[in-house]
N, C-alpha and C. Protein backbone atom coordinates (compact mmCIF):
# COMPACT_ATOMS: atom_id res chain seq x y z
N SER A 1 -27.40 -1.70 -7.20
CA SER A 1 -26.17 -1.83 -7.17
C SER A 1 -25.94 -2.92 -7.56
N ARG A 2 -24.45 -2.90 -8.31
CA ARG A 2 -23.63 -4.24 -8.69
C ARG A 2 -22.70 -4.84 -8.10
N GLY A 3 -22.50 -5.54 -7.63
CA GLY A 3 -21.38 -6.40 -6.84
C GLY A 3 -20.34 -6.69 -7.65
N LEU A 4 -19.45 -7.35 -7.12
CA LEU A 4 -18.31 -7.48 -7.98
C LEU A 4 -18.36 -8.81 -8.75
N GLY A 5 -19.44 -10.11 -8.18
CA GLY A 5 -19.76 -11.04 -8.61
C GLY A 5 -20.36 -10.94 -10.28
N ASP A 6 -21.51 -9.81 -9.93
CA ASP A 6 -21.89 -9.28 -11.42
C ASP A 6 -21.51 -9.44 -13.10
N VAL A 7 -19.79 -8.40 -12.21
CA VAL A 7 -19.00 -8.45 -13.45
C VAL A 7 -18.47 -9.78 -13.95
N TYR A 8 -18.29 -10.35 -12.74
CA TYR A 8 -17.70 -11.72 -13.52
C TYR A 8 -18.75 -12.31 -14.60
N LYS A 9 -19.71 -12.60 -13.72
CA LYS A 9 -21.04 -12.99 -14.89
C LYS A 9 -21.41 -12.68 -16.03
N ARG A 10 -20.98 -11.37 -16.47
CA ARG A 10 -20.90 -10.47 -17.42
C ARG A 10 -19.49 -11.03 -18.51
N GLN A 11 -18.56 -11.34 -17.58
CA GLN A 11 -17.13 -11.21 -18.20
C GLN A 11 -16.53 -12.85 -17.94
N PRO A 12 -17.39 -13.70 -18.45
CA PRO A 12 -16.82 -14.97 -18.62
C PRO A 12 -15.05 -15.12 -18.92
N LEU A 13 -14.69 -14.61 -19.57
CA LEU A 13 -13.54 -14.78 -20.58
C LEU A 13 -12.28 -14.71 -19.24
N ILE A 14 -12.58 -13.35 -18.75
CA ILE A 14 -11.96 -12.80 -17.64
C ILE A 14 -11.79 -13.68 -16.59
N ASP A 15 -12.97 -13.96 -15.77
CA ASP A 15 -13.20 -14.83 -14.66
C ASP A 15 -12.91 -16.77 -15.17
N GLN A 16 -13.27 -17.05 -15.83
CA GLN A 16 -12.90 -18.53 -16.35
C GLN A 16 -11.34 -18.73 -17.02
N HIS A 17 -11.19 -17.78 -18.02
CA HIS A 17 -9.93 -18.41 -18.47
C HIS A 17 -8.51 -17.10 -18.09
N LEU A 18 -8.95 -16.16 -18.14
CA LEU A 18 -7.90 -15.06 -17.42
C LEU A 18 -7.46 -14.79 -16.17
N LEU A 19 -8.43 -14.64 -15.40
CA LEU A 19 -7.66 -15.19 -14.20
C LEU A 19 -6.55 -16.60 -13.88
N PRO A 20 -7.31 -17.54 -13.94
CA PRO A 20 -6.76 -18.46 -13.95
C PRO A 20 -5.08 -18.44 -14.10
N ILE A 21 -4.86 -17.97 -15.63
CA ILE A 21 -3.38 -17.56 -15.85
C ILE A 21 -2.86 -16.75 -15.05
N ALA A 22 -3.58 -15.34 -14.58
CA ALA A 22 -2.66 -14.40 -14.11
C ALA A 22 -2.75 -14.90 -12.42
N LEU A 23 -3.55 -15.73 -12.50
CA LEU A 23 -2.99 -16.31 -10.57
C LEU A 23 -2.07 -17.48 -10.61
N ILE A 24 -2.07 -18.08 -11.56
CA ILE A 24 -1.18 -19.61 -11.68
C ILE A 24 0.17 -18.88 -11.72
N GLY A 25 0.45 -17.89 -12.72
CA GLY A 25 1.44 -16.84 -12.71
C GLY A 25 2.32 -15.94 -11.36
N ALA A 26 1.15 -15.77 -11.13
CA ALA A 26 1.66 -14.58 -9.64
C ALA A 26 1.98 -15.99 -8.38
N LEU A 27 1.51 -17.19 -8.60
CA LEU A 27 1.49 -18.00 -7.25
C LEU A 27 2.86 -18.58 -7.59
N MET A 28 3.11 -19.01 -9.10
CA MET A 28 4.76 -19.31 -9.45
C MET A 28 5.97 -18.52 -9.03
N ALA A 29 5.46 -17.20 -9.19
CA ALA A 29 6.38 -16.23 -9.27
C ALA A 29 6.80 -15.35 -7.78
N ARG A 30 6.05 -15.81 -7.30
CA ARG A 30 6.19 -14.82 -5.69
C ARG A 30 7.10 -15.56 -5.14
N GLY A 31 7.56 -16.86 -5.04
CA GLY A 31 8.64 -17.43 -4.05
C GLY A 31 10.06 -16.72 -4.78
N PRO A 32 10.50 -16.93 -6.25
CA PRO A 32 11.51 -16.92 -6.72
C PRO A 32 11.39 -15.17 -6.81
N LEU A 33 10.59 -14.44 -6.98
CA LEU A 33 10.92 -13.21 -6.54
C LEU A 33 11.26 -12.96 -5.25
N LEU A 34 10.92 -13.09 -3.80
CA LEU A 34 11.29 -13.16 -2.67
C LEU A 34 12.83 -13.19 -2.72
N TYR A 35 13.02 -14.56 -3.04
CA TYR A 35 14.52 -15.10 -3.42
C TYR A 35 15.39 -14.15 -3.62
N LEU A 36 14.81 -13.49 -4.74
CA LEU A 36 16.10 -12.53 -6.09
C LEU A 36 15.90 -11.15 -5.26
N TYR A 37 14.62 -11.14 -4.60
CA TYR A 37 14.75 -9.70 -3.71
C TYR A 37 16.08 -9.50 -3.02
N VAL A 38 15.77 -11.08 -2.01
CA VAL A 38 16.85 -10.93 -0.75
C VAL A 38 18.20 -11.13 -1.11
N ARG A 39 18.33 -11.70 -2.32
CA ARG A 39 19.60 -11.74 -2.82
C ARG A 39 20.37 -10.55 -3.14
N SER A 40 19.62 -9.81 -4.16
CA SER A 40 20.08 -8.56 -4.54
C SER A 40 20.21 -7.75 -3.34
N ILE A 41 19.74 -7.82 -2.31
CA ILE A 41 20.16 -6.81 -1.32
C ILE A 41 21.52 -7.39 -0.20
N THR A 42 21.46 -8.84 0.01
CA THR A 42 22.78 -9.65 0.54
C THR A 42 23.52 -9.06 -0.11
N GLN A 43 23.73 -9.82 -1.85
CA GLN A 43 25.11 -9.95 -2.91
C GLN A 43 25.06 -8.82 -3.61
N GLN A 44 25.17 -7.60 -2.84
CA GLN A 44 25.32 -6.49 -3.98
C GLN A 44 26.54 -6.49 -4.24
N HIS A 45 27.31 -7.08 -4.81
CA HIS A 45 28.38 -7.52 -5.22
C HIS A 45 28.14 -8.14 -6.79
N THR A 46 27.00 -9.11 -6.36
CA THR A 46 26.82 -10.10 -7.30
C THR A 46 25.31 -10.11 -7.83
N PRO A 47 25.58 -8.72 -8.57
CA PRO A 47 24.12 -8.31 -9.07
C PRO A 47 23.40 -9.52 -9.32
N VAL A 48 22.05 -9.41 -9.48
CA VAL A 48 20.99 -10.34 -10.54
C VAL A 48 20.95 -10.08 -11.55
N THR A 49 21.40 -10.87 -12.61
CA THR A 49 21.61 -11.03 -13.93
C THR A 49 20.78 -11.82 -14.54
N ARG A 50 20.67 -11.91 -16.10
CA ARG A 50 19.63 -12.69 -16.93
C ARG A 50 19.87 -13.76 -16.43
N LYS A 51 20.89 -14.35 -15.63
CA LYS A 51 21.18 -15.46 -15.73
C LYS A 51 20.55 -16.59 -14.52
N ALA A 52 19.74 -15.38 -13.72
CA ALA A 52 19.10 -15.90 -12.52
C ALA A 52 17.38 -15.91 -12.87
N LEU A 53 17.07 -15.70 -14.74
CA LEU A 53 15.71 -15.93 -15.08
C LEU A 53 15.63 -17.48 -14.49
N TRP A 54 16.02 -18.30 -14.71
CA TRP A 54 15.75 -19.99 -14.82
C TRP A 54 15.01 -20.11 -13.27
N HIS A 55 15.14 -19.21 -12.50
CA HIS A 55 14.43 -19.36 -11.36
C HIS A 55 12.92 -19.21 -11.68
N PHE A 56 12.77 -18.65 -13.15
CA PHE A 56 11.15 -18.40 -12.82
C PHE A 56 10.61 -19.42 -14.09
N ILE A 57 11.65 -20.13 -14.45
CA ILE A 57 11.10 -21.29 -15.29
C ILE A 57 10.00 -22.05 -15.25
N ILE A 58 9.92 -22.10 -13.90
CA ILE A 58 8.40 -22.86 -14.01
C ILE A 58 6.83 -22.03 -13.81
N VAL A 59 7.32 -20.72 -13.45
CA VAL A 59 5.81 -19.57 -14.51
C VAL A 59 5.66 -19.99 -15.48
N PRO A 60 6.54 -20.03 -16.51
CA PRO A 60 5.86 -20.51 -18.31
C PRO A 60 5.41 -21.33 -18.48
N ILE A 61 5.89 -22.82 -17.67
CA ILE A 61 5.13 -24.04 -17.51
C ILE A 61 4.01 -24.05 -17.34
N ALA A 62 3.82 -23.81 -16.12
CA ALA A 62 2.84 -23.51 -15.41
C ALA A 62 1.76 -22.86 -15.94
N VAL A 63 2.06 -21.35 -16.48
CA VAL A 63 1.02 -20.59 -17.18
C VAL A 63 0.33 -21.31 -18.62
N ALA A 64 1.83 -22.46 -19.16
CA ALA A 64 1.60 -23.43 -20.64
C ALA A 64 0.05 -24.29 -20.34
N TYR A 65 0.55 -24.85 -19.00
CA TYR A 65 -0.30 -26.17 -18.79
C TYR A 65 -1.67 -25.47 -18.60
N ILE A 66 -1.74 -24.44 -18.29
CA ILE A 66 -2.83 -23.50 -17.70
C ILE A 66 -3.65 -23.54 -19.51
N ILE A 67 -2.87 -22.59 -20.02
CA ILE A 67 -3.49 -22.65 -21.54
C ILE A 67 -3.90 -23.77 -22.16
N LEU A 68 -2.67 -24.72 -22.13
CA LEU A 68 -3.07 -25.88 -22.79
C LEU A 68 -4.29 -26.80 -22.57
N GLN A 69 -4.17 -27.04 -21.26
CA GLN A 69 -5.24 -27.63 -21.05
C GLN A 69 -6.75 -27.12 -21.19
N SER A 70 -6.87 -25.59 -21.15
CA SER A 70 -7.86 -25.10 -21.14
C SER A 70 -8.22 -25.08 -19.66
N VAL A 71 -7.78 -24.80 -18.25
CA VAL A 71 -8.04 -24.99 -16.94
C VAL A 71 -8.83 -23.34 -17.00
N THR A 72 -10.25 -23.73 -16.10
CA THR A 72 -10.89 -22.42 -15.76
C THR A 72 -10.55 -22.20 -14.31
N SER A 73 -11.30 -21.03 -13.90
CA SER A 73 -11.24 -20.98 -12.35
C SER A 73 -12.40 -21.91 -12.13
N SER A 74 -13.32 -22.61 -12.53
CA SER A 74 -13.99 -23.74 -11.78
C SER A 74 -13.15 -25.09 -11.58
N ASP A 75 -12.37 -24.88 -12.31
CA ASP A 75 -11.57 -26.47 -12.70
C ASP A 75 -10.21 -26.09 -11.17
N LEU A 76 -9.81 -24.86 -11.36
CA LEU A 76 -8.98 -24.63 -10.12
C LEU A 76 -10.12 -24.86 -8.35
N ARG A 77 -10.90 -24.79 -8.46
CA ARG A 77 -11.81 -24.73 -7.41
C ARG A 77 -12.60 -25.83 -7.43
N MET A 78 -12.14 -26.35 -8.32
CA MET A 78 -12.15 -28.41 -8.27
C MET A 78 -13.73 -28.42 -8.60
N GLU A 79 -14.89 -27.63 -9.14
CA GLU A 79 -16.06 -27.55 -9.01
C GLU A 79 -16.04 -28.35 -10.45
N ASP A 80 -17.29 -29.70 -9.98
CA ASP A 80 -17.28 -30.41 -11.34
C ASP A 80 -16.19 -31.14 -12.40
N ILE A 81 -15.22 -31.89 -12.22
CA ILE A 81 -14.27 -32.07 -13.05
C ILE A 81 -14.01 -33.73 -12.52
N SER A 82 -13.26 -33.97 -13.68
CA SER A 82 -13.03 -35.88 -13.70
C SER A 82 -12.15 -36.04 -12.73
N ASP A 83 -12.19 -37.17 -12.68
CA ASP A 83 -10.96 -37.01 -11.18
C ASP A 83 -9.99 -37.29 -11.88
N LEU A 84 -9.19 -37.38 -13.63
CA LEU A 84 -8.15 -36.89 -13.66
C LEU A 84 -8.16 -35.78 -13.35
N ASP A 85 -8.55 -34.55 -14.12
CA ASP A 85 -8.57 -33.37 -13.99
C ASP A 85 -8.24 -33.36 -12.05
N ARG A 86 -9.10 -33.54 -11.59
CA ARG A 86 -8.84 -33.41 -9.63
C ARG A 86 -7.34 -33.50 -9.91
N LEU A 87 -7.48 -34.96 -10.16
CA LEU A 87 -5.95 -35.28 -9.73
C LEU A 87 -4.26 -34.43 -10.27
N LEU A 88 -4.69 -33.61 -11.41
CA LEU A 88 -3.58 -33.20 -11.86
C LEU A 88 -4.06 -31.42 -11.18
N THR A 89 -5.14 -31.06 -11.26
CA THR A 89 -5.36 -29.87 -10.52
C THR A 89 -4.51 -29.92 -8.87
N ASP A 90 -4.99 -30.84 -7.90
CA ASP A 90 -4.23 -31.23 -7.06
C ASP A 90 -3.07 -31.25 -7.12
N LEU A 91 -2.38 -31.48 -8.65
CA LEU A 91 -0.56 -31.74 -8.54
C LEU A 91 0.09 -30.27 -8.44
N LEU A 92 -0.85 -29.62 -9.46
CA LEU A 92 -0.75 -27.99 -9.49
C LEU A 92 -0.75 -27.39 -8.63
N TRP A 93 -1.88 -27.61 -7.57
CA TRP A 93 -1.94 -26.89 -6.10
C TRP A 93 -0.59 -27.16 -5.34
N ASP A 94 -0.35 -28.54 -5.15
CA ASP A 94 1.12 -29.50 -4.66
C ASP A 94 2.53 -28.39 -4.88
N ILE A 95 2.02 -28.18 -6.57
CA ILE A 95 3.76 -27.70 -6.85
C ILE A 95 3.93 -26.34 -6.64
N ILE A 96 2.62 -25.73 -6.48
CA ILE A 96 2.42 -23.90 -6.49
C ILE A 96 2.88 -23.60 -4.53
N LYS A 97 2.76 -24.91 -3.84
CA LYS A 97 2.68 -24.91 -2.25
C LYS A 97 3.89 -24.73 -1.85
N TYR A 98 4.44 -26.07 -2.45
CA TYR A 98 5.78 -26.53 -2.09
C TYR A 98 7.05 -25.97 -2.61
N VAL A 99 6.56 -25.54 -4.03
CA VAL A 99 7.80 -24.70 -4.38
C VAL A 99 8.25 -23.63 -3.47
N THR A 100 7.03 -22.63 -3.30
CA THR A 100 6.64 -21.68 -2.56
C THR A 100 7.79 -21.52 -1.39
N LEU A 101 7.44 -22.78 -0.41
CA LEU A 101 7.74 -23.36 0.61
C LEU A 101 9.09 -23.08 0.38
N ALA A 102 9.78 -23.86 -1.23
CA ALA A 102 11.40 -24.38 -0.53
C ALA A 102 11.72 -23.26 -0.96
N TYR A 103 11.43 -22.06 -1.90
CA TYR A 103 11.93 -20.71 -1.99
C TYR A 103 12.18 -20.04 -1.18
N THR A 104 11.07 -19.78 -0.16
CA THR A 104 10.74 -18.87 1.07
C THR A 104 12.20 -20.11 2.49
N ALA A 105 11.88 -21.36 2.40
CA ALA A 105 13.51 -21.91 3.09
C ALA A 105 14.83 -21.31 2.15
N ALA A 106 14.92 -21.27 1.19
CA ALA A 106 16.26 -20.31 0.16
C ALA A 106 16.37 -19.54 0.50
N THR A 107 15.48 -18.95 0.95
CA THR A 107 15.62 -17.40 1.47
C THR A 107 16.21 -16.86 2.21
N LEU A 108 15.19 -17.84 3.12
CA LEU A 108 16.16 -18.05 4.84
C LEU A 108 17.44 -18.31 4.92
N TRP A 109 17.49 -19.28 4.27
CA TRP A 109 19.23 -19.86 4.35
C TRP A 109 20.35 -18.88 3.64
N GLN A 110 19.70 -18.23 2.61
CA GLN A 110 20.31 -17.25 2.28
C GLN A 110 20.38 -15.92 3.04
N LEU A 111 19.90 -15.49 3.65
CA LEU A 111 20.12 -14.03 4.57
C LEU A 111 20.79 -14.83 5.85
N HIS A 112 20.63 -16.22 5.97
CA HIS A 112 21.65 -17.18 7.30
C HIS A 112 23.03 -16.90 6.76
N LYS A 113 23.53 -17.30 5.75
CA LYS A 113 24.31 -17.18 5.43
C LYS A 113 25.18 -15.88 4.98
N TYR A 114 24.66 -14.78 4.91
CA TYR A 114 24.61 -13.44 5.19
C TYR A 114 24.94 -13.06 6.28
N LYS A 115 24.28 -13.13 7.33
CA LYS A 115 24.48 -12.55 8.73
C LYS A 115 26.12 -13.12 9.01
N ASN A 116 25.99 -14.62 8.86
CA ASN A 116 27.68 -15.16 9.22
C ASN A 116 28.82 -14.70 8.36
N GLN A 117 28.79 -14.08 7.62
CA GLN A 117 29.62 -13.58 6.36
C GLN A 117 29.77 -12.05 7.24
N LEU A 118 28.61 -11.39 7.62
CA LEU A 118 28.99 -10.03 8.58
C LEU A 118 29.76 -10.60 9.67
N LYS A 119 29.63 -11.45 10.40
CA LYS A 119 30.16 -11.74 11.47
C LYS A 119 31.30 -12.06 11.07
N GLU A 120 31.81 -13.00 10.22
CA GLU A 120 33.27 -12.71 10.32
C GLU A 120 33.95 -11.99 9.71
N SER A 121 33.68 -10.71 9.12
CA SER A 121 33.83 -10.16 8.10
C SER A 121 34.47 -8.38 9.21
N TYR A 122 33.46 -8.50 10.09
CA TYR A 122 33.41 -7.59 10.99
C TYR A 122 32.79 -7.49 12.38
N SER A 123 33.70 -6.88 13.07
CA SER A 123 33.53 -7.09 14.41
C SER A 123 32.51 -6.05 14.71
N LEU A 124 31.59 -5.28 14.24
CA LEU A 124 30.30 -4.18 14.49
C LEU A 124 29.73 -3.88 13.17
N TYR A 125 28.95 -4.56 13.47
CA TYR A 125 27.95 -4.11 12.31
C TYR A 125 26.25 -4.01 12.70
N SER A 126 25.45 -3.24 12.19
CA SER A 126 24.06 -3.03 12.11
C SER A 126 22.99 -4.63 11.70
N THR A 127 22.45 -4.70 13.16
CA THR A 127 21.43 -6.09 12.65
C THR A 127 19.97 -5.37 12.65
N LEU A 128 19.88 -4.23 12.50
CA LEU A 128 18.56 -3.82 11.66
C LEU A 128 18.17 -4.01 10.38
N PRO A 129 19.05 -3.86 9.93
CA PRO A 129 18.11 -4.24 8.15
C PRO A 129 18.13 -6.06 7.81
N ILE A 130 19.29 -6.79 8.76
CA ILE A 130 18.96 -8.25 8.94
C ILE A 130 17.73 -8.70 9.24
N ASN A 131 17.08 -8.18 10.70
CA ASN A 131 16.13 -8.09 11.13
C ASN A 131 15.00 -7.70 10.53
N TRP A 132 14.64 -6.81 9.89
CA TRP A 132 13.99 -6.30 8.77
C TRP A 132 13.65 -7.34 7.62
N LEU A 133 14.81 -7.65 7.27
CA LEU A 133 14.27 -9.00 6.18
C LEU A 133 14.13 -10.22 6.72
N TYR A 134 14.77 -10.73 8.04
CA TYR A 134 13.81 -11.57 8.97
C TYR A 134 12.18 -11.74 8.82
N ILE A 135 11.84 -10.37 9.54
CA ILE A 135 10.94 -9.98 9.62
C ILE A 135 9.58 -10.09 8.43
N LEU A 136 10.50 -9.71 7.58
CA LEU A 136 9.38 -9.49 5.67
C LEU A 136 9.74 -11.33 5.32
N ILE A 137 10.89 -11.96 5.29
CA ILE A 137 10.56 -13.45 5.22
C ILE A 137 9.62 -14.31 6.10
N ILE A 138 9.79 -13.95 7.22
CA ILE A 138 9.22 -14.70 8.31
C ILE A 138 7.31 -14.68 7.91
N GLY A 139 7.16 -13.18 7.94
CA GLY A 139 5.77 -12.95 7.51
C GLY A 139 5.27 -13.93 6.01
N PHE A 140 5.88 -13.53 5.21
CA PHE A 140 5.62 -14.13 3.93
C PHE A 140 5.49 -15.48 4.36
N ALA A 141 6.63 -16.10 5.08
CA ALA A 141 6.62 -17.89 5.55
C ALA A 141 5.23 -17.96 6.09
N ILE A 142 4.81 -17.17 7.25
CA ILE A 142 3.90 -18.07 7.99
C ILE A 142 2.41 -17.66 7.06
N ALA A 143 2.24 -16.92 6.19
CA ALA A 143 0.81 -16.12 5.18
C ALA A 143 1.28 -18.09 3.91
N TRP A 144 2.21 -18.09 3.48
CA TRP A 144 2.14 -18.56 2.70
C TRP A 144 1.85 -20.20 3.24
N ALA A 145 2.50 -20.69 4.56
CA ALA A 145 2.63 -21.73 5.21
C ALA A 145 1.17 -22.04 5.37
N TRP A 146 0.45 -21.06 5.60
CA TRP A 146 -0.89 -21.36 6.16
C TRP A 146 -1.81 -21.79 5.04
N GLY A 147 -1.63 -21.22 3.73
CA GLY A 147 -2.49 -21.43 2.71
C GLY A 147 -1.99 -22.63 2.77
N THR A 148 -1.06 -23.33 2.08
CA THR A 148 -0.34 -24.95 2.31
C THR A 148 -1.09 -25.32 3.42
N VAL A 149 -0.92 -25.26 4.79
CA VAL A 149 -1.84 -26.20 5.57
C VAL A 149 -3.40 -26.28 5.16
N ALA A 150 -4.00 -25.09 4.94
CA ALA A 150 -5.49 -25.11 4.25
C ALA A 150 -5.39 -26.17 2.64
N HIS A 151 -4.41 -26.67 2.50
CA HIS A 151 -4.46 -27.01 0.93
C HIS A 151 -4.46 -28.37 1.30
N ILE A 152 -3.30 -28.78 2.54
CA ILE A 152 -3.06 -30.12 3.09
C ILE A 152 -4.19 -30.36 3.63
N LEU A 153 -5.19 -29.74 4.38
CA LEU A 153 -6.15 -30.35 4.86
C LEU A 153 -7.55 -30.62 3.92
N SER A 154 -7.52 -30.15 3.04
CA SER A 154 -8.56 -29.98 2.05
C SER A 154 -8.03 -31.58 1.33
N LYS A 155 -6.83 -31.57 1.18
CA LYS A 155 -6.48 -33.15 0.34
C LYS A 155 -6.25 -34.27 1.25
N TYR A 156 -5.86 -34.41 2.21
CA TYR A 156 -5.43 -35.35 3.24
C TYR A 156 -6.03 -35.93 4.25
N THR A 157 -7.49 -34.46 4.76
CA THR A 157 -8.19 -35.01 5.57
C THR A 157 -9.70 -34.70 5.56
N TYR A 158 -11.18 -35.10 6.16
CA TYR A 158 -12.20 -34.81 5.64
C TYR A 158 -12.36 -33.34 5.90
N VAL A 159 -12.16 -32.76 6.13
CA VAL A 159 -11.89 -30.99 6.14
C VAL A 159 -13.10 -31.40 4.74
N SER A 160 -13.98 -30.28 5.26
CA SER A 160 -14.82 -29.55 3.55
C SER A 160 -13.84 -29.04 2.65
N TYR A 161 -14.13 -29.04 1.60
CA TYR A 161 -13.54 -28.41 0.60
C TYR A 161 -13.71 -26.63 0.96
N TYR A 162 -15.35 -26.46 1.41
CA TYR A 162 -15.63 -25.48 1.79
C TYR A 162 -15.17 -24.71 2.57
N PHE A 163 -14.81 -25.68 4.05
CA PHE A 163 -14.11 -24.79 4.84
C PHE A 163 -12.55 -24.78 4.68
N ALA A 164 -11.75 -25.89 3.94
CA ALA A 164 -10.18 -25.16 3.52
C ALA A 164 -10.17 -24.06 2.69
N ASP A 165 -11.35 -23.83 2.12
CA ASP A 165 -11.31 -22.71 0.97
C ASP A 165 -11.30 -21.58 1.80
N ILE A 166 -11.91 -21.36 2.95
CA ILE A 166 -12.13 -20.41 3.65
C ILE A 166 -10.58 -20.32 4.35
N LEU A 167 -10.19 -21.42 4.80
CA LEU A 167 -8.51 -20.86 5.70
C LEU A 167 -8.27 -20.46 4.31
N GLY A 168 -8.07 -20.66 2.88
CA GLY A 168 -6.89 -20.35 2.11
C GLY A 168 -7.54 -18.98 2.36
N ILE A 169 -8.96 -18.61 1.81
CA ILE A 169 -8.98 -17.10 1.97
C ILE A 169 -8.41 -15.99 3.10
N ILE A 170 -9.19 -16.66 4.34
CA ILE A 170 -8.34 -15.88 5.45
C ILE A 170 -6.87 -15.96 5.38
N GLY A 171 -5.94 -16.83 5.25
CA GLY A 171 -4.98 -16.70 4.82
C GLY A 171 -4.36 -15.22 3.82
N ASN A 172 -4.82 -15.00 3.06
CA ASN A 172 -4.94 -13.97 1.91
C ASN A 172 -4.94 -12.53 2.80
N TYR A 173 -5.70 -12.77 3.63
CA TYR A 173 -5.80 -11.17 4.40
C TYR A 173 -4.51 -10.44 4.80
N PRO A 174 -3.87 -11.06 5.71
CA PRO A 174 -2.39 -10.46 6.48
C PRO A 174 -1.95 -9.98 5.59
N VAL A 175 -1.56 -10.81 4.45
CA VAL A 175 -0.59 -10.26 3.33
C VAL A 175 -1.17 -8.81 2.60
N SER A 176 -2.14 -9.08 2.60
CA SER A 176 -3.56 -7.65 1.23
C SER A 176 -2.86 -6.94 2.29
N TYR A 177 -3.68 -6.33 3.25
CA TYR A 177 -3.61 -5.66 4.33
C TYR A 177 -3.10 -5.30 5.01
N THR A 178 -2.09 -5.36 5.02
CA THR A 178 -0.71 -5.51 5.86
C THR A 178 -0.67 -3.60 5.74
N HIS A 179 -0.40 -3.12 5.15
CA HIS A 179 -0.50 -1.94 4.61
C HIS A 179 -1.68 -0.91 5.79
N LEU A 180 -2.54 -1.63 6.10
CA LEU A 180 -3.55 -1.13 7.05
C LEU A 180 -2.88 -0.77 8.15
N THR A 181 -2.17 -1.61 8.73
CA THR A 181 -2.23 -2.06 10.45
C THR A 181 -0.38 -1.41 10.74
N LEU A 182 0.42 -1.48 9.56
CA LEU A 182 1.49 -1.10 9.61
C LEU A 182 1.57 0.75 9.63
N PRO A 183 2.58 1.51 10.65
CA PRO A 183 2.57 3.07 10.58
C PRO A 183 3.29 3.67 9.36
N THR A 184 2.35 4.55 9.08
CA THR A 184 3.07 5.42 8.28
C THR A 184 3.74 6.25 8.47
N THR A 185 4.23 7.09 9.70
CA THR A 185 5.01 7.57 9.82
C THR A 185 5.81 7.25 11.22
N PRO A 186 7.10 8.01 11.71
CA PRO A 186 8.13 6.96 12.67
C PRO A 186 6.99 7.44 14.11
N TYR A 187 7.16 6.38 14.88
CA TYR A 187 7.11 6.75 16.32
C TYR A 187 7.85 7.81 17.06
N VAL A 188 7.50 9.20 17.75
CA VAL A 188 8.00 9.84 18.28
C VAL A 188 7.91 9.54 19.75
């Protein structure tokens, strides 16, 4: 039987070149996507328009960097790279982590402002949708902060890269498998 690793060994173009483009693009887009999602819900009178695309300017910049510098999956894992490439890759990971956390904070602030507007405008309103949005945002914030902590540990401490990588991988599971733990039918 062939494992997933065998597929990548036979497909170096996908593993080494296309995967970093998709990964970095997705990681750079996740913060703006969450922010604009919450904004579209909380500011229904101000729809998300083309002007909001500036939030995604970092995505093509990061992807262009990956393409122009021929960054591979091995480079992102910092396997056998020069000191300069290590510095630039670390900077890329810093930008990914900190931009995502900044958008998470902006999203929480957006929701906080919306909740205060509702308090000022209405004497009675349902807090259930707002609480669900808080749970959603805080869930992402915890998962993304976990990844940031793993990154910081590997960068600024003597924790081995392997251990920090395992921490980062563990941080992916709560986000990836949340659908397995949530009930699909309402409780009776």
